[in-house]
Amino acid sequence: MVVTAAGGGLLNLAVKAVVARSRPDLAEPVSYASGFAFPSGHTMGSAIGVSVLLLVFLPVMAPSWRRPAVAVGTLFAVAVGLSRVVLGVHWASDVLGAWLLSLIWVLAMMAVFRTWHRQEQAATSATAHCVPRPGPEVHEPPSTDPNRGAA
């Protein structure tokens, strides 16, 4: 969770620096923001956060709660993205790009962690099947110590 969330934040900063897109310059914006516009950091953060939480908790949720959880999470991420446009601090394409970049990032992290998990399972499985083979019995030579074996 931490790697995916923190990595998504770093990815957002890197893309902002490369694209260097200015924010909307509206006559009467509802709000102001500094920094570059593309992609929207709030949108990416909410989309990645919701995705990670759903990936972690859906498997342990009661089946009847899964669809509502996905719906609420999706609604939250969409509302955050749309609010950035309504506030006048992002272009619609900043939000769409953030959603797309978030999806790509989360899918990439899922692939990385699944591969890592499979490799770890294979390594664990390989060592679990390592049973020492019986070799020739080794007998200790008789002791010349007169106190050995005396009780």
Protein backbone atom coordinates (compact mmCIF):
# COMPACT_ATOMS: atom_id res chain seq x y z
CA MET A 1 0.00 0.00 0.00
CA VAL A 2 2.72 2.43 0.99
CA VAL A 3 4.87 1.71 -2.06
CA THR A 4 1.95 2.15 -4.44
CA ALA A 5 0.69 5.34 -2.79
CA ALA A 6 4.10 6.96 -2.34
CA GLY A 7 5.24 5.88 -5.78
CA GLY A 8 2.09 7.37 -7.29
CA GLY A 9 2.87 10.67 -5.58
CA LEU A 10 6.41 10.66 -6.94
CA LEU A 11 5.12 9.74 -10.39
CA ASN A 12 2.72 12.69 -10.21
CA LEU A 13 5.53 15.09 -9.33
CA ALA A 14 7.75 13.73 -12.11
CA VAL A 15 5.03 14.04 -14.77
CA LYS A 16 4.18 17.57 -13.57
CA ALA A 17 7.85 18.57 -13.92
CA VAL A 18 8.15 17.07 -17.41
CA VAL A 19 4.87 18.43 -18.80
CA ALA A 20 5.06 21.80 -16.96
CA ARG A 21 1.51 22.77 -17.90
CA SER A 22 0.12 26.03 -16.54
CA ARG A 23 -3.06 26.11 -14.51
CA PRO A 24 -6.24 27.71 -15.86
CA ASP A 25 -6.20 31.50 -15.78
CA LEU A 26 -9.86 32.26 -15.13
CA ALA A 27 -11.30 35.72 -14.60
CA GLU A 28 -13.03 34.77 -11.34
CA PRO A 29 -11.87 31.34 -10.13
CA VAL A 30 -13.43 29.79 -7.07
CA SER A 31 -9.98 28.89 -5.76
CA TYR A 32 -6.28 29.30 -6.52
CA ALA A 33 -3.50 26.74 -6.60
CA SER A 34 0.21 26.90 -7.21
CA GLY A 35 2.48 24.63 -9.19
CA PHE A 36 1.88 22.88 -12.45
CA ALA A 37 -1.51 21.57 -13.50
CA PHE A 38 -0.99 18.26 -15.31
CA PRO A 39 -1.81 15.76 -13.88
CA SER A 40 -4.03 16.69 -10.97
CA GLY A 41 -2.35 15.54 -7.75
CA HIS A 42 -5.58 15.47 -5.75
CA THR A 43 -7.25 13.37 -8.43
CA MET A 44 -4.35 10.93 -8.65
CA GLY A 45 -4.08 10.66 -4.89
CA SER A 46 -7.75 9.90 -4.42
CA ALA A 47 -7.90 7.44 -7.33
CA ILE A 48 -4.79 5.54 -6.22
CA GLY A 49 -5.86 5.61 -2.57
CA VAL A 50 -9.34 4.28 -3.31
CA SER A 51 -7.94 1.63 -5.65
CA VAL A 52 -5.41 0.37 -3.11
CA LEU A 53 -7.96 0.28 -0.30
CA LEU A 54 -10.41 -1.64 -2.47
CA LEU A 55 -7.73 -4.10 -3.58
CA VAL A 56 -6.79 -4.78 0.02
CA PHE A 57 -10.23 -4.92 1.61
CA LEU A 58 -12.56 -6.33 -1.08
CA PRO A 59 -11.29 -9.91 -0.65
CA VAL A 60 -12.15 -9.87 3.07
CA MET A 61 -15.47 -8.04 2.75
CA ALA A 62 -18.79 -9.79 2.82
CA PRO A 63 -19.93 -10.26 -0.79
CA SER A 64 -22.98 -8.07 -0.18
CA TRP A 65 -20.74 -5.11 0.70
CA ARG A 66 -18.37 -5.32 -2.29
CA ARG A 67 -20.49 -3.52 -4.89
CA PRO A 68 -21.45 -0.69 -2.53
CA ALA A 69 -17.79 -0.28 -1.54
CA VAL A 70 -16.71 -0.04 -5.17
CA ALA A 71 -19.54 2.40 -5.90
CA VAL A 72 -18.69 4.66 -2.94
CA GLY A 73 -14.97 4.56 -3.75
CA THR A 74 -15.58 5.35 -7.40
CA LEU A 75 -17.97 8.16 -6.52
CA PHE A 76 -15.39 9.63 -4.15
CA ALA A 77 -12.57 9.56 -6.74
CA VAL A 78 -14.85 11.05 -9.42
CA ALA A 79 -16.08 13.77 -7.05
CA VAL A 80 -12.52 14.77 -6.14
CA GLY A 81 -11.56 14.99 -9.80
CA LEU A 82 -14.62 16.98 -10.83
CA SER A 83 -14.21 19.34 -7.87
CA ARG A 84 -10.75 20.32 -9.14
CA VAL A 85 -12.28 21.49 -12.44
CA VAL A 86 -15.22 23.22 -10.73
CA LEU A 87 -12.82 25.07 -8.42
CA GLY A 88 -10.98 26.33 -11.48
CA VAL A 89 -7.57 24.96 -10.50
CA HIS A 90 -7.36 22.29 -13.23
CA TRP A 91 -8.34 21.76 -16.81
CA ALA A 92 -10.64 18.80 -17.49
CA SER A 93 -7.74 17.09 -19.30
CA ASP A 94 -5.62 17.36 -16.11
CA VAL A 95 -8.23 15.30 -14.30
CA LEU A 96 -8.76 12.80 -17.13
CA GLY A 97 -5.00 12.36 -17.43
CA ALA A 98 -4.71 11.83 -13.67
CA TRP A 99 -7.39 9.13 -13.73
CA LEU A 100 -5.69 7.37 -16.65
CA LEU A 101 -2.23 7.64 -15.10
CA SER A 102 -3.62 6.33 -11.80
CA LEU A 103 -5.16 3.33 -13.53
CA ILE A 104 -1.91 2.55 -15.34
CA TRP A 105 0.10 2.95 -12.13
CA VAL A 106 -2.16 0.72 -10.04
CA LEU A 107 -2.25 -1.98 -12.74
CA ALA A 108 1.55 -1.84 -13.04
CA MET A 109 1.96 -2.18 -9.28
CA MET A 110 -0.48 -5.10 -9.23
CA ALA A 111 1.60 -6.84 -11.90
CA VAL A 112 4.85 -6.16 -10.03
CA PHE A 113 3.52 -7.41 -6.70
CA ARG A 114 1.88 -10.48 -8.23
CA THR A 115 5.16 -11.40 -9.93
CA TRP A 116 7.08 -10.83 -6.69
CA HIS A 117 4.52 -12.88 -4.74
CA ARG A 118 4.72 -15.77 -7.24
CA GLN A 119 8.52 -15.77 -7.05
CA GLU A 120 8.38 -15.79 -3.27
CA GLN A 121 5.86 -18.64 -3.29
CA ALA A 122 8.04 -20.61 -5.70
CA ALA A 123 11.09 -20.08 -3.50
CA THR A 124 9.16 -21.10 -0.39
CA SER A 125 7.73 -24.12 -2.18
CA ALA A 126 11.16 -25.16 -3.44
CA THR A 127 12.72 -25.01 0.02
CA ALA A 128 9.74 -26.79 1.59
CA HIS A 129 10.36 -29.78 -0.65
CA CYS A 130 14.02 -30.00 0.27
CA VAL A 131 14.07 -33.07 2.44
CA PRO A 132 17.47 -34.45 3.33
CA ARG A 133 18.12 -37.73 1.60
CA PRO A 134 19.09 -40.58 3.80
CA GLY A 135 22.76 -41.25 3.42
CA PRO A 136 25.01 -43.89 4.84
CA GLU A 137 24.58 -44.21 8.54
CA VAL A 138 27.38 -42.74 10.49
CA HIS A 139 28.27 -44.60 13.63
CA GLU A 140 30.33 -43.04 16.31
CA PRO A 141 33.45 -45.03 17.01
CA PRO A 142 33.51 -46.69 20.39
CA SER A 143 34.78 -44.40 23.08
CA THR A 144 37.86 -45.16 25.05
CA ASP A 145 36.70 -42.89 27.87
CA PRO A 146 35.92 -45.11 30.91
CA ASN A 147 33.42 -42.52 32.27
CA ARG A 148 31.33 -42.40 29.13
CA GLY A 149 28.10 -44.26 29.38
CA ALA A 150 28.43 -44.69 33.14
CA ALA A 151 25.44 -43.54 35.03
